[in-house]
Amino acid sequence: MKIGSIDLGEKPLLLAPMEDVTDPSFRYLCKRFGADMMYTEFVNSDGLIRDASSCQVKLNIFEHERPIGIQLYGHIIESMVEACKIATLANPEVIDINFGCPVKKIANRGAGSGMMKDIPKMVEMTRQIVNATPIPITVKTRLGWDDESKHIVSIAEQLQDVGVQALTIHGRTRVQLYKGQADWTLIGEVKSNPRMHIPIVGNGDIDSPEKAMEMFSRYGVDGIMIGRATYGRPWIFQEIKHYMQKRELMKPFTVEERVSIAKEHLSKSMEFKGERRGILEMRRHFTCYFKGLANFKELRLRLVTSDSADELNDILNLVAERYADSLPDLNINPSPWV
């Protein structure tokens, strides 16, 4: 699969852009475990052009992360074009336009998946962004706003016609949010459309190696993007690649191995963000690494309240010791942060 001149290999696995999740420390782990391409957290175009520090810091990318994309969102064409020019200076491999975020405060003002209520504006915004930068432009979107407006086949053609070089499609409408099952049939229709020649990446409910293999085989997508299933499981990329190459499942990660990865994550979080902020932002991850462990409430509470790196490492050592012979319940569905 190629995005412009960027060769991601055959059947690449991409880390989805996720707010408060895909920061440099999490990206570091996902890359180590085999993510072929990653994206930053969402960058608000209005905040970026106002030089807001919270937006500027999201443009910080590192050589070990490449290839990487910066994802922008907004509802004003002029602001998105200007933000694209600023993002270009960070020299990412691609700039991605977020037409998929279903969060109410974003969609209801016409950004993210809210843009699916105004397809002509979506296409015109994309056209102007493509013309504003030499960096390849990609788009992430959904099937439509609701069940009565699943126009993704036509939308895909229009986005390709104005110069988009790859398209990622989440198999739900905006109204669905993350409820129910993702419907990949329309993703398959876009991929099989003889008019389409850009790479099509499928997204939605990929939470196991078997499901990834099935979606590649059944719908012929060029790549797969994984989001919520990476929570507390950045090694899912390695699991999927192992299965696709050897047709067998990897041995599950033990609690001790999860503890080791959580410690590494904590260390990187503090390295990139400083000790206090790094610890605070790790709290959302700790519960995911050990989701499914029985009688974990006391240790969980300690992990999400401690302000000391040394104490956190001691607690993690205790987790490894106490659950040495246990495995988390991998059948528990991923969910947003607790």
C-alpha atoms as a PDB file:
ATOM      1  CA  MET A   1       0.000   0.000   0.000  1.00  0.00           C
ATOM      2  CA  LYS A   2       1.329   3.419  -0.969  1.00  0.00           C
ATOM      3  CA  ILE A   3       0.220   6.891   0.028  1.00  0.00           C
ATOM      4  CA  GLY A   4       1.863   9.013  -2.610  1.00  0.00           C
ATOM      5  CA  SER A   5       5.483   7.855  -2.504  1.00  0.00           C
ATOM      6  CA  ILE A   6       5.200   6.440   1.034  1.00  0.00           C
ATOM      7  CA  ASP A   7       5.368   2.651   0.875  1.00  0.00           C
ATOM      8  CA  LEU A   8       3.706   1.017   3.896  1.00  0.00           C
ATOM      9  CA  GLY A   9       4.108  -2.531   2.625  1.00  0.00           C
ATOM     10  CA  GLU A  10       1.415  -5.142   2.098  1.00  0.00           C
ATOM     11  CA  LYS A  11      -1.619  -5.117   4.420  1.00  0.00           C
ATOM     12  CA  PRO A  12      -0.326  -2.404   6.768  1.00  0.00           C
ATOM     13  CA  LEU A  13      -1.773  -1.811  10.226  1.00  0.00           C
ATOM     14  CA  LEU A  14      -2.360   1.802  11.226  1.00  0.00           C
ATOM     15  CA  LEU A  15      -2.854   3.322  14.661  1.00  0.00           C
ATOM     16  CA  ALA A  16      -5.961   5.508  14.679  1.00  0.00           C
ATOM     17  CA  PRO A  17      -5.673   9.116  15.824  1.00  0.00           C
ATOM     18  CA  MET A  18      -7.345   9.355  19.255  1.00  0.00           C
ATOM     19  CA  GLU A  19      -7.614  12.373  21.524  1.00  0.00           C
ATOM     20  CA  ASP A  20      -5.862  11.937  24.880  1.00  0.00           C
ATOM     21  CA  VAL A  21      -4.537   8.557  23.732  1.00  0.00           C
ATOM     22  CA  THR A  22      -2.105   8.730  20.812  1.00  0.00           C
ATOM     23  CA  ASP A  23       0.459  10.949  22.482  1.00  0.00           C
ATOM     24  CA  PRO A  24       4.206  10.344  21.956  1.00  0.00           C
ATOM     25  CA  SER A  25       4.522   7.795  24.782  1.00  0.00           C
ATOM     26  CA  PHE A  26       1.688   5.623  23.480  1.00  0.00           C
ATOM     27  CA  ARG A  27       2.874   5.984  19.910  1.00  0.00           C
ATOM     28  CA  TYR A  28       6.330   4.853  21.020  1.00  0.00           C
ATOM     29  CA  LEU A  29       4.898   1.552  22.260  1.00  0.00           C
ATOM     30  CA  CYS A  30       2.624   0.986  19.272  1.00  0.00           C
ATOM     31  CA  LYS A  31       5.536   1.542  16.914  1.00  0.00           C
ATOM     32  CA  ARG A  32       7.678  -0.876  18.901  1.00  0.00           C
ATOM     33  CA  PHE A  33       4.959  -3.500  18.582  1.00  0.00           C
ATOM     34  CA  GLY A  34       4.597  -3.148  14.835  1.00  0.00           C
ATOM     35  CA  ALA A  35       2.273  -0.282  13.889  1.00  0.00           C
ATOM     36  CA  ASP A  36       3.131   0.543  10.266  1.00  0.00           C
ATOM     37  CA  MET A  37       1.810   4.087  10.417  1.00  0.00           C
ATOM     38  CA  MET A  38       0.561   6.275  13.232  1.00  0.00           C
ATOM     39  CA  TYR A  39      -1.297   9.540  13.660  1.00  0.00           C
ATOM     40  CA  THR A  40      -1.146  12.291  16.245  1.00  0.00           C
ATOM     41  CA  GLU A  41      -4.032  13.236  18.461  1.00  0.00           C
ATOM     42  CA  PHE A  42      -6.643  15.487  16.821  1.00  0.00           C
ATOM     43  CA  VAL A  43      -5.402  19.048  16.275  1.00  0.00           C
ATOM     44  CA  ASN A  44      -8.017  21.811  16.448  1.00  0.00           C
ATOM     45  CA  SER A  45      -7.458  24.096  13.454  1.00  0.00           C
ATOM     46  CA  ASP A  46      -8.813  27.166  15.256  1.00  0.00           C
ATOM     47  CA  GLY A  47      -6.517  26.594  18.219  1.00  0.00           C
ATOM     48  CA  LEU A  48      -3.533  25.973  15.978  1.00  0.00           C
ATOM     49  CA  ILE A  49      -3.861  29.225  14.061  1.00  0.00           C
ATOM     50  CA  ARG A  50      -4.248  31.085  17.384  1.00  0.00           C
ATOM     51  CA  ASP A  51      -0.925  29.504  18.406  1.00  0.00           C
ATOM     52  CA  ALA A  52      -2.483  27.702  21.385  1.00  0.00           C
ATOM     53  CA  SER A  53       0.246  25.741  23.160  1.00  0.00           C
ATOM     54  CA  SER A  54      -2.049  22.722  23.645  1.00  0.00           C
ATOM     55  CA  CYS A  55      -2.350  22.475  19.858  1.00  0.00           C
ATOM     56  CA  GLN A  56       1.230  23.343  18.987  1.00  0.00           C
ATOM     57  CA  VAL A  57       2.616  20.563  21.198  1.00  0.00           C
ATOM     58  CA  LYS A  58       0.658  17.990  19.203  1.00  0.00           C
ATOM     59  CA  LEU A  59       2.781  18.817  16.173  1.00  0.00           C
ATOM     60  CA  ASN A  60       5.884  17.481  17.914  1.00  0.00           C
ATOM     61  CA  ILE A  61       6.917  14.329  16.088  1.00  0.00           C
ATOM     62  CA  PHE A  62      10.059  12.214  16.400  1.00  0.00           C
ATOM     63  CA  GLU A  63      12.171  10.405  13.844  1.00  0.00           C
ATOM     64  CA  HIS A  64      11.500   6.986  15.394  1.00  0.00           C
ATOM     65  CA  GLU A  65       7.750   7.479  14.758  1.00  0.00           C
ATOM     66  CA  ARG A  66       7.929   7.878  11.003  1.00  0.00           C
ATOM     67  CA  PRO A  67       5.926   7.492   8.889  1.00  0.00           C
ATOM     68  CA  ILE A  68       3.408   9.582  10.810  1.00  0.00           C
ATOM     69  CA  GLY A  69       0.417  11.767  10.036  1.00  0.00           C
ATOM     70  CA  ILE A  70      -0.961  14.893  11.686  1.00  0.00           C
ATOM     71  CA  GLN A  71      -4.753  14.960  11.874  1.00  0.00           C
ATOM     72  CA  LEU A  72      -6.634  18.262  11.699  1.00  0.00           C
ATOM     73  CA  TYR A  73     -10.261  19.057  12.425  1.00  0.00           C
ATOM     74  CA  GLY A  74     -12.415  22.148  12.089  1.00  0.00           C
ATOM     75  CA  HIS A  75     -15.508  23.525  10.372  1.00  0.00           C
ATOM     76  CA  ILE A  76     -14.152  26.733   8.796  1.00  0.00           C
ATOM     77  CA  ILE A  77     -12.452  26.220   5.450  1.00  0.00           C
ATOM     78  CA  GLU A  78     -10.063  29.162   5.778  1.00  0.00           C
ATOM     79  CA  SER A  79      -8.946  28.054   9.242  1.00  0.00           C
ATOM     80  CA  MET A  80      -8.359  24.499   8.082  1.00  0.00           C
ATOM     81  CA  VAL A  81      -6.281  25.699   5.130  1.00  0.00           C
ATOM     82  CA  GLU A  82      -4.159  27.919   7.378  1.00  0.00           C
ATOM     83  CA  ALA A  83      -3.768  25.119   9.933  1.00  0.00           C
ATOM     84  CA  CYS A  84      -2.650  22.802   7.139  1.00  0.00           C
ATOM     85  CA  LYS A  85       0.105  25.250   6.195  1.00  0.00           C
ATOM     86  CA  ILE A  86       1.288  25.354   9.819  1.00  0.00           C
ATOM     87  CA  ALA A  87       1.182  21.543  10.103  1.00  0.00           C
ATOM     88  CA  THR A  88       3.218  21.294   6.900  1.00  0.00           C
ATOM     89  CA  LEU A  89       6.124  22.967   8.712  1.00  0.00           C
ATOM     90  CA  ALA A  90       6.285  19.994  11.114  1.00  0.00           C
ATOM     91  CA  ASN A  91       7.106  17.815   8.083  1.00  0.00           C
ATOM     92  CA  PRO A  92       4.799  14.827   8.675  1.00  0.00           C
ATOM     93  CA  GLU A  93       4.494  12.173   5.993  1.00  0.00           C
ATOM     94  CA  VAL A  94       0.779  12.950   5.577  1.00  0.00           C
ATOM     95  CA  ILE A  95      -1.839  15.392   6.818  1.00  0.00           C
ATOM     96  CA  ASP A  96      -5.173  13.765   7.600  1.00  0.00           C
ATOM     97  CA  ILE A  97      -8.536  15.533   7.672  1.00  0.00           C
ATOM     98  CA  ASN A  98     -10.885  14.414  10.428  1.00  0.00           C
ATOM     99  CA  PHE A  99     -14.372  13.998   8.978  1.00  0.00           C
ATOM    100  CA  GLY A 100     -15.156  11.128  11.333  1.00  0.00           C
ATOM    101  CA  CYS A 101     -15.127  12.228  14.994  1.00  0.00           C
ATOM    102  CA  PRO A 102     -18.667  11.736  16.378  1.00  0.00           C
ATOM    103  CA  VAL A 103     -18.201  13.632  19.661  1.00  0.00           C
ATOM    104  CA  LYS A 104     -21.170  15.945  20.168  1.00  0.00           C
ATOM    105  CA  LYS A 105     -19.253  19.171  20.839  1.00  0.00           C
ATOM    106  CA  ILE A 106     -17.286  18.660  17.609  1.00  0.00           C
ATOM    107  CA  ALA A 107     -19.912  17.208  15.267  1.00  0.00           C
ATOM    108  CA  ASN A 108     -22.714  19.577  16.269  1.00  0.00           C
ATOM    109  CA  ARG A 109     -20.725  22.589  15.152  1.00  0.00           C
ATOM    110  CA  GLY A 110     -20.063  21.017  11.772  1.00  0.00           C
ATOM    111  CA  ALA A 111     -16.569  19.628  12.297  1.00  0.00           C
ATOM    112  CA  GLY A 112     -15.545  15.960  12.370  1.00  0.00           C
ATOM    113  CA  SER A 113     -18.412  13.753  11.251  1.00  0.00           C
ATOM    114  CA  GLY A 114     -20.648  16.830  11.379  1.00  0.00           C
ATOM    115  CA  MET A 115     -19.205  17.672   7.967  1.00  0.00           C
ATOM    116  CA  MET A 116     -21.186  14.723   6.566  1.00  0.00           C
ATOM    117  CA  LYS A 117     -24.283  16.945   6.720  1.00  0.00           C
ATOM    118  CA  ASP A 118     -22.717  19.233   4.129  1.00  0.00           C
ATOM    119  CA  ILE A 119     -20.945  17.133   1.523  1.00  0.00           C
ATOM    120  CA  PRO A 120     -20.261  20.010  -0.916  1.00  0.00           C
ATOM    121  CA  LYS A 121     -18.480  21.901   1.880  1.00  0.00           C
ATOM    122  CA  MET A 122     -16.552  18.747   2.831  1.00  0.00           C
ATOM    123  CA  VAL A 123     -15.339  18.336  -0.726  1.00  0.00           C
ATOM    124  CA  GLU A 124     -14.486  22.020  -1.181  1.00  0.00           C
ATOM    125  CA  MET A 125     -12.582  22.117   2.124  1.00  0.00           C
ATOM    126  CA  THR A 126     -10.611  19.063   1.032  1.00  0.00           C
ATOM    127  CA  ARG A 127      -9.853  20.562  -2.375  1.00  0.00           C
ATOM    128  CA  GLN A 128      -8.469  23.741  -0.858  1.00  0.00           C
ATOM    129  CA  ILE A 129      -6.363  21.838   1.691  1.00  0.00           C
ATOM    130  CA  VAL A 130      -4.903  19.608  -1.024  1.00  0.00           C
ATOM    131  CA  ASN A 131      -3.897  22.723  -2.955  1.00  0.00           C
ATOM    132  CA  ALA A 132      -2.325  24.326   0.124  1.00  0.00           C
ATOM    133  CA  THR A 133       0.460  21.813   0.761  1.00  0.00           C
ATOM    134  CA  PRO A 134       2.859  19.486  -1.081  1.00  0.00           C
ATOM    135  CA  ILE A 135       2.316  16.852   1.641  1.00  0.00           C
ATOM    136  CA  PRO A 136      -0.137  14.050   0.771  1.00  0.00           C
ATOM    137  CA  ILE A 137      -3.631  14.631   2.147  1.00  0.00           C
ATOM    138  CA  THR A 138      -5.682  11.738   3.510  1.00  0.00           C
ATOM    139  CA  VAL A 139      -9.178  11.660   5.001  1.00  0.00           C
ATOM    140  CA  LYS A 140     -10.812   9.676   7.794  1.00  0.00           C
ATOM    141  CA  THR A 141     -14.598   9.574   7.735  1.00  0.00           C
ATOM    142  CA  ARG A 142     -17.701   7.456   8.400  1.00  0.00           C
ATOM    143  CA  LEU A 143     -20.407   5.818   6.296  1.00  0.00           C
ATOM    144  CA  GLY A 144     -22.674   8.856   6.629  1.00  0.00           C
ATOM    145  CA  TRP A 145     -24.528  10.940   9.188  1.00  0.00           C
ATOM    146  CA  ASP A 146     -27.309   8.384   9.759  1.00  0.00           C
ATOM    147  CA  ASP A 147     -28.890   5.300   8.195  1.00  0.00           C
ATOM    148  CA  GLU A 148     -30.695   7.449   5.621  1.00  0.00           C
ATOM    149  CA  SER A 149     -27.520   9.155   4.411  1.00  0.00           C
ATOM    150  CA  LYS A 150     -24.926   6.448   3.905  1.00  0.00           C
ATOM    151  CA  HIS A 151     -23.412   8.118   0.839  1.00  0.00           C
ATOM    152  CA  ILE A 152     -19.834   6.992   1.362  1.00  0.00           C
ATOM    153  CA  VAL A 153     -19.449   5.439  -2.118  1.00  0.00           C
ATOM    154  CA  SER A 154     -20.201   8.788  -3.767  1.00  0.00           C
ATOM    155  CA  ILE A 155     -18.270  10.746  -1.129  1.00  0.00           C
ATOM    156  CA  ALA A 156     -15.192   8.590  -1.699  1.00  0.00           C
ATOM    157  CA  GLU A 157     -15.257   9.309  -5.425  1.00  0.00           C
ATOM    158  CA  GLN A 158     -15.566  13.046  -4.840  1.00  0.00           C
ATOM    159  CA  LEU A 159     -12.728  13.122  -2.307  1.00  0.00           C
ATOM    160  CA  GLN A 160     -10.497  11.165  -4.674  1.00  0.00           C
ATOM    161  CA  ASP A 161     -11.367  13.567  -7.499  1.00  0.00           C
ATOM    162  CA  VAL A 162     -10.099  16.588  -5.523  1.00  0.00           C
ATOM    163  CA  GLY A 163      -6.782  14.921  -4.724  1.00  0.00           C
ATOM    164  CA  VAL A 164      -7.045  12.839  -1.559  1.00  0.00           C
ATOM    165  CA  GLN A 165      -4.341  10.145  -1.652  1.00  0.00           C
ATOM    166  CA  ALA A 166      -5.889   7.645   0.782  1.00  0.00           C
ATOM    167  CA  LEU A 167      -9.213   7.241   2.542  1.00  0.00           C
ATOM    168  CA  THR A 168      -9.968   5.609   5.897  1.00  0.00           C
ATOM    169  CA  ILE A 169     -13.594   4.643   6.535  1.00  0.00           C
ATOM    170  CA  HIS A 170     -15.075   3.793   9.913  1.00  0.00           C
ATOM    171  CA  GLY A 171     -17.940   1.356   9.443  1.00  0.00           C
ATOM    172  CA  ARG A 172     -20.562   3.307  11.423  1.00  0.00           C
ATOM    173  CA  THR A 173     -22.643   6.436  10.952  1.00  0.00           C
ATOM    174  CA  ARG A 174     -22.243   9.445  13.199  1.00  0.00           C
ATOM    175  CA  VAL A 175     -25.591   8.735  14.861  1.00  0.00           C
ATOM    176  CA  GLN A 176     -24.348   5.278  15.869  1.00  0.00           C
ATOM    177  CA  LEU A 177     -21.342   6.729  17.692  1.00  0.00           C
ATOM    178  CA  TYR A 178     -19.586   3.486  18.779  1.00  0.00           C
ATOM    179  CA  LYS A 179     -22.743   1.470  19.375  1.00  0.00           C
ATOM    180  CA  GLY A 180     -23.638  -1.783  17.639  1.00  0.00           C
ATOM    181  CA  GLN A 181     -21.329  -3.490  15.191  1.00  0.00           C
ATOM    182  CA  ALA A 182     -19.327  -1.762  12.508  1.00  0.00           C
ATOM    183  CA  ASP A 183     -20.713  -2.469   9.027  1.00  0.00           C
ATOM    184  CA  TRP A 184     -17.879  -3.177   6.617  1.00  0.00           C
ATOM    185  CA  THR A 185     -20.072  -3.929   3.596  1.00  0.00           C
ATOM    186  CA  LEU A 186     -20.022  -0.340   2.339  1.00  0.00           C
ATOM    187  CA  ILE A 187     -16.287  -0.140   2.970  1.00  0.00           C
ATOM    188  CA  GLY A 188     -16.025  -3.156   0.676  1.00  0.00           C
ATOM    189  CA  GLU A 189     -18.204  -1.410  -1.924  1.00  0.00           C
ATOM    190  CA  VAL A 190     -15.901   1.587  -1.938  1.00  0.00           C
ATOM    191  CA  LYS A 191     -12.867  -0.657  -2.350  1.00  0.00           C
ATOM    192  CA  SER A 192     -14.455  -2.648  -5.189  1.00  0.00           C
ATOM    193  CA  ASN A 193     -15.675   0.477  -7.011  1.00  0.00           C
ATOM    194  CA  PRO A 194     -13.809   0.461 -10.361  1.00  0.00           C
ATOM    195  CA  ARG A 195     -13.553   4.250 -10.197  1.00  0.00           C
ATOM    196  CA  MET A 196     -11.425   4.126  -7.056  1.00  0.00           C
ATOM    197  CA  HIS A 197      -7.647   3.888  -7.332  1.00  0.00           C
ATOM    198  CA  ILE A 198      -6.445   5.353  -4.016  1.00  0.00           C
ATOM    199  CA  PRO A 199      -5.830   3.069  -1.000  1.00  0.00           C
ATOM    200  CA  ILE A 200      -8.873   2.295   1.137  1.00  0.00           C
ATOM    201  CA  VAL A 201      -8.303   1.629   4.840  1.00  0.00           C
ATOM    202  CA  GLY A 202     -11.003  -0.049   6.925  1.00  0.00           C
ATOM    203  CA  ASN A 203     -11.692   0.852  10.544  1.00  0.00           C
ATOM    204  CA  GLY A 204     -14.085  -0.359  13.206  1.00  0.00           C
ATOM    205  CA  ASP A 205     -14.249  -3.256  15.684  1.00  0.00           C
ATOM    206  CA  ILE A 206     -10.879  -4.788  14.809  1.00  0.00           C
ATOM    207  CA  ASP A 207     -10.084  -6.302  18.201  1.00  0.00           C
ATOM    208  CA  SER A 208      -8.477  -9.646  17.325  1.00  0.00           C
ATOM    209  CA  PRO A 209      -6.049 -11.150  14.814  1.00  0.00           C
ATOM    210  CA  GLU A 210      -8.811 -13.339  13.408  1.00  0.00           C
ATOM    211  CA  LYS A 211     -11.067 -10.377  12.724  1.00  0.00           C
ATOM    212  CA  ALA A 212      -8.268  -8.453  11.033  1.00  0.00           C
ATOM    213  CA  MET A 213      -7.540 -11.385   8.754  1.00  0.00           C
ATOM    214  CA  GLU A 214     -11.237 -11.764   7.964  1.00  0.00           C
ATOM    215  CA  MET A 215     -11.657  -8.102   6.998  1.00  0.00           C
ATOM    216  CA  PHE A 216      -8.608  -8.161   4.746  1.00  0.00           C
ATOM    217  CA  SER A 217      -9.852 -11.317   3.038  1.00  0.00           C
ATOM    218  CA  ARG A 218     -13.555 -10.510   2.799  1.00  0.00           C
ATOM    219  CA  TYR A 219     -13.429  -6.849   1.799  1.00  0.00           C
ATOM    220  CA  GLY A 220     -10.029  -6.498   0.122  1.00  0.00           C
ATOM    221  CA  VAL A 221      -9.065  -3.304   1.943  1.00  0.00           C
ATOM    222  CA  ASP A 222      -5.527  -2.076   1.472  1.00  0.00           C
ATOM    223  CA  GLY A 223      -4.939  -1.487   5.174  1.00  0.00           C
ATOM    224  CA  ILE A 224      -6.628  -1.653   8.557  1.00  0.00           C
ATOM    225  CA  MET A 225      -6.748   1.083  11.180  1.00  0.00           C
ATOM    226  CA  ILE A 226      -7.087   0.110  14.835  1.00  0.00           C
ATOM    227  CA  GLY A 227      -8.356   2.401  17.561  1.00  0.00           C
ATOM    228  CA  ARG A 228     -10.072   1.390  20.795  1.00  0.00           C
ATOM    229  CA  ALA A 229      -8.657  -2.146  20.778  1.00  0.00           C
ATOM    230  CA  THR A 230      -5.205  -0.688  21.430  1.00  0.00           C
ATOM    231  CA  TYR A 231      -6.267   0.558  24.875  1.00  0.00           C
ATOM    232  CA  GLY A 232      -4.014  -1.338  27.273  1.00  0.00           C
ATOM    233  CA  ARG A 233      -2.958  -3.543  24.372  1.00  0.00           C
ATOM    234  CA  PRO A 234      -0.442  -1.735  22.151  1.00  0.00           C
ATOM    235  CA  TRP A 235       0.936  -5.143  21.172  1.00  0.00           C
ATOM    236  CA  ILE A 236      -2.198  -5.969  19.136  1.00  0.00           C
ATOM    237  CA  PHE A 237      -0.245  -5.014  15.995  1.00  0.00           C
ATOM    238  CA  GLN A 238       2.295  -7.728  16.769  1.00  0.00           C
ATOM    239  CA  GLU A 239      -0.475 -10.236  17.482  1.00  0.00           C
ATOM    240  CA  ILE A 240      -2.149  -9.563  14.134  1.00  0.00           C
ATOM    241  CA  LYS A 241       1.082  -9.740  12.135  1.00  0.00           C
ATOM    242  CA  HIS A 242       2.061 -12.980  13.839  1.00  0.00           C
ATOM    243  CA  TYR A 243      -1.315 -14.498  12.969  1.00  0.00           C
ATOM    244  CA  MET A 244      -1.231 -13.339   9.351  1.00  0.00           C
ATOM    245  CA  GLN A 245       2.269 -14.709   8.838  1.00  0.00           C
ATOM    246  CA  LYS A 246       2.018 -18.004  10.741  1.00  0.00           C
ATOM    247  CA  ARG A 247      -1.743 -18.658  10.898  1.00  0.00           C
ATOM    248  CA  GLU A 248      -1.518 -19.203  14.637  1.00  0.00           C
ATOM    249  CA  LEU A 249      -2.246 -17.047  17.656  1.00  0.00           C
ATOM    250  CA  MET A 250       0.567 -15.671  19.762  1.00  0.00           C
ATOM    251  CA  LYS A 251       0.814 -16.802  23.332  1.00  0.00           C
ATOM    252  CA  PRO A 252      -1.122 -14.261  25.461  1.00  0.00           C
ATOM    253  CA  PHE A 253       0.927 -11.677  27.296  1.00  0.00           C
ATOM    254  CA  THR A 254       1.282 -12.549  30.967  1.00  0.00           C
ATOM    255  CA  VAL A 255       0.531 -10.082  33.750  1.00  0.00           C
ATOM    256  CA  GLU A 256       4.274  -9.814  34.367  1.00  0.00           C
ATOM    257  CA  GLU A 257       4.824  -8.840  30.739  1.00  0.00           C
ATOM    258  CA  ARG A 258       1.981  -6.314  30.939  1.00  0.00           C
ATOM    259  CA  VAL A 259       3.553  -4.836  34.054  1.00  0.00           C
ATOM    260  CA  SER A 260       6.860  -4.458  32.228  1.00  0.00           C
ATOM    261  CA  ILE A 261       5.130  -2.665  29.337  1.00  0.00           C
ATOM    262  CA  ALA A 262       3.165  -0.432  31.717  1.00  0.00           C
ATOM    263  CA  LYS A 263       6.431   0.551  33.420  1.00  0.00           C
ATOM    264  CA  GLU A 264       7.974   1.393  30.070  1.00  0.00           C
ATOM    265  CA  HIS A 265       4.893   3.422  29.162  1.00  0.00           C
ATOM    266  CA  LEU A 266       5.116   5.315  32.449  1.00  0.00           C
ATOM    267  CA  SER A 267       8.799   6.033  31.887  1.00  0.00           C
ATOM    268  CA  LYS A 268       8.183   7.364  28.375  1.00  0.00           C
ATOM    269  CA  SER A 269       5.199   9.422  29.526  1.00  0.00           C
ATOM    270  CA  MET A 270       7.367  11.170  32.124  1.00  0.00           C
ATOM    271  CA  GLU A 271      10.214  11.557  29.626  1.00  0.00           C
ATOM    272  CA  PHE A 272       8.002  13.353  27.121  1.00  0.00           C
ATOM    273  CA  LYS A 273       5.778  15.327  29.515  1.00  0.00           C
ATOM    274  CA  GLY A 274       7.626  15.692  32.786  1.00  0.00           C
ATOM    275  CA  GLU A 275       7.055  13.644  35.940  1.00  0.00           C
ATOM    276  CA  ARG A 276       3.835  15.160  37.264  1.00  0.00           C
ATOM    277  CA  ARG A 277       1.945  15.435  34.003  1.00  0.00           C
ATOM    278  CA  GLY A 278       3.339  12.144  32.770  1.00  0.00           C
ATOM    279  CA  ILE A 279       1.986  10.370  35.861  1.00  0.00           C
ATOM    280  CA  LEU A 280      -1.407  12.068  35.664  1.00  0.00           C
ATOM    281  CA  GLU A 281      -1.862  11.118  32.014  1.00  0.00           C
ATOM    282  CA  MET A 282      -0.855   7.512  32.677  1.00  0.00           C
ATOM    283  CA  ARG A 283      -3.816   7.015  35.006  1.00  0.00           C
ATOM    284  CA  ARG A 284      -6.178   6.440  32.095  1.00  0.00           C
ATOM    285  CA  HIS A 285      -3.862   3.742  30.755  1.00  0.00           C
ATOM    286  CA  PHE A 286      -3.210   1.788  33.960  1.00  0.00           C
ATOM    287  CA  THR A 287      -6.791   0.537  34.253  1.00  0.00           C
ATOM    288  CA  CYS A 288      -6.712  -0.677  30.637  1.00  0.00           C
ATOM    289  CA  TYR A 289      -3.491  -2.665  30.998  1.00  0.00           C
ATOM    290  CA  PHE A 290      -5.032  -4.741  33.763  1.00  0.00           C
ATOM    291  CA  LYS A 291      -8.683  -4.784  32.755  1.00  0.00           C
ATOM    292  CA  GLY A 292     -10.153  -8.202  33.461  1.00  0.00           C
ATOM    293  CA  LEU A 293      -8.078  -9.074  36.514  1.00  0.00           C
ATOM    294  CA  ALA A 294     -10.192 -10.369  39.377  1.00  0.00           C
ATOM    295  CA  ASN A 295     -10.324  -8.461  42.677  1.00  0.00           C
ATOM    296  CA  PHE A 296      -8.247  -5.623  41.287  1.00  0.00           C
ATOM    297  CA  LYS A 297     -10.195  -2.698  42.785  1.00  0.00           C
ATOM    298  CA  GLU A 298      -7.723  -1.863  45.568  1.00  0.00           C
ATOM    299  CA  LEU A 299      -4.645  -1.885  43.333  1.00  0.00           C
ATOM    300  CA  ARG A 300      -6.493  -0.022  40.611  1.00  0.00           C
ATOM    301  CA  LEU A 301      -7.363   2.745  43.069  1.00  0.00           C
ATOM    302  CA  ARG A 302      -3.748   3.012  44.151  1.00  0.00           C
ATOM    303  CA  LEU A 303      -2.534   3.190  40.560  1.00  0.00           C
ATOM    304  CA  VAL A 304      -4.880   6.063  39.709  1.00  0.00           C
ATOM    305  CA  THR A 305      -4.210   8.101  42.855  1.00  0.00           C
ATOM    306  CA  SER A 306      -0.469   7.833  43.412  1.00  0.00           C
ATOM    307  CA  ASP A 307       1.643  10.884  42.538  1.00  0.00           C
ATOM    308  CA  SER A 308       5.019   9.163  42.915  1.00  0.00           C
ATOM    309  CA  ALA A 309       6.904   7.331  40.184  1.00  0.00           C
ATOM    310  CA  ASP A 310       8.684   5.168  42.744  1.00  0.00           C
ATOM    311  CA  GLU A 311       5.411   4.269  44.428  1.00  0.00           C
ATOM    312  CA  LEU A 312       3.790   3.449  41.099  1.00  0.00           C
ATOM    313  CA  ASN A 313       6.635   1.106  40.205  1.00  0.00           C
ATOM    314  CA  ASP A 314       6.264  -0.557  43.604  1.00  0.00           C
ATOM    315  CA  ILE A 315       2.535  -1.023  43.009  1.00  0.00           C
ATOM    316  CA  LEU A 316       3.223  -2.465  39.567  1.00  0.00           C
ATOM    317  CA  ASN A 317       5.709  -4.901  41.095  1.00  0.00           C
ATOM    318  CA  LEU A 318       2.990  -5.951  43.514  1.00  0.00           C
ATOM    319  CA  VAL A 319       0.588  -6.513  40.619  1.00  0.00           C
ATOM    320  CA  ALA A 320       3.138  -8.786  38.936  1.00  0.00           C
ATOM    321  CA  GLU A 321       3.688 -10.700  42.163  1.00  0.00           C
ATOM    322  CA  ARG A 322       0.045 -11.048  43.152  1.00  0.00           C
ATOM    323  CA  TYR A 323      -1.170 -12.078  39.699  1.00  0.00           C
ATOM    324  CA  ALA A 324       1.824 -14.129  38.611  1.00  0.00           C
ATOM    325  CA  ASP A 325      -0.359 -17.080  37.627  1.00  0.00           C
ATOM    326  CA  SER A 326      -3.272 -15.091  36.166  1.00  0.00           C
ATOM    327  CA  LEU A 327      -4.261 -13.845  32.745  1.00  0.00           C
ATOM    328  CA  PRO A 328      -6.599 -10.894  32.164  1.00  0.00           C
ATOM    329  CA  ASP A 329      -9.943 -11.691  30.555  1.00  0.00           C
ATOM    330  CA  LEU A 330      -9.262 -10.854  26.920  1.00  0.00           C
ATOM    331  CA  ASN A 331     -12.960 -11.193  26.063  1.00  0.00           C
ATOM    332  CA  ILE A 332     -13.848  -7.954  27.848  1.00  0.00           C
ATOM    333  CA  ASN A 333     -14.702  -5.392  25.192  1.00  0.00           C
ATOM    334  CA  PRO A 334     -12.530  -2.299  24.982  1.00  0.00           C
ATOM    335  CA  SER A 335     -14.260   0.822  26.252  1.00  0.00           C
ATOM    336  CA  PRO A 336     -13.452   4.508  26.677  1.00  0.00           C
ATOM    337  CA  TRP A 337     -11.409   5.522  29.678  1.00  0.00           C
ATOM    338  CA  VAL A 338     -12.863   4.771  33.074  1.00  0.00           C
END
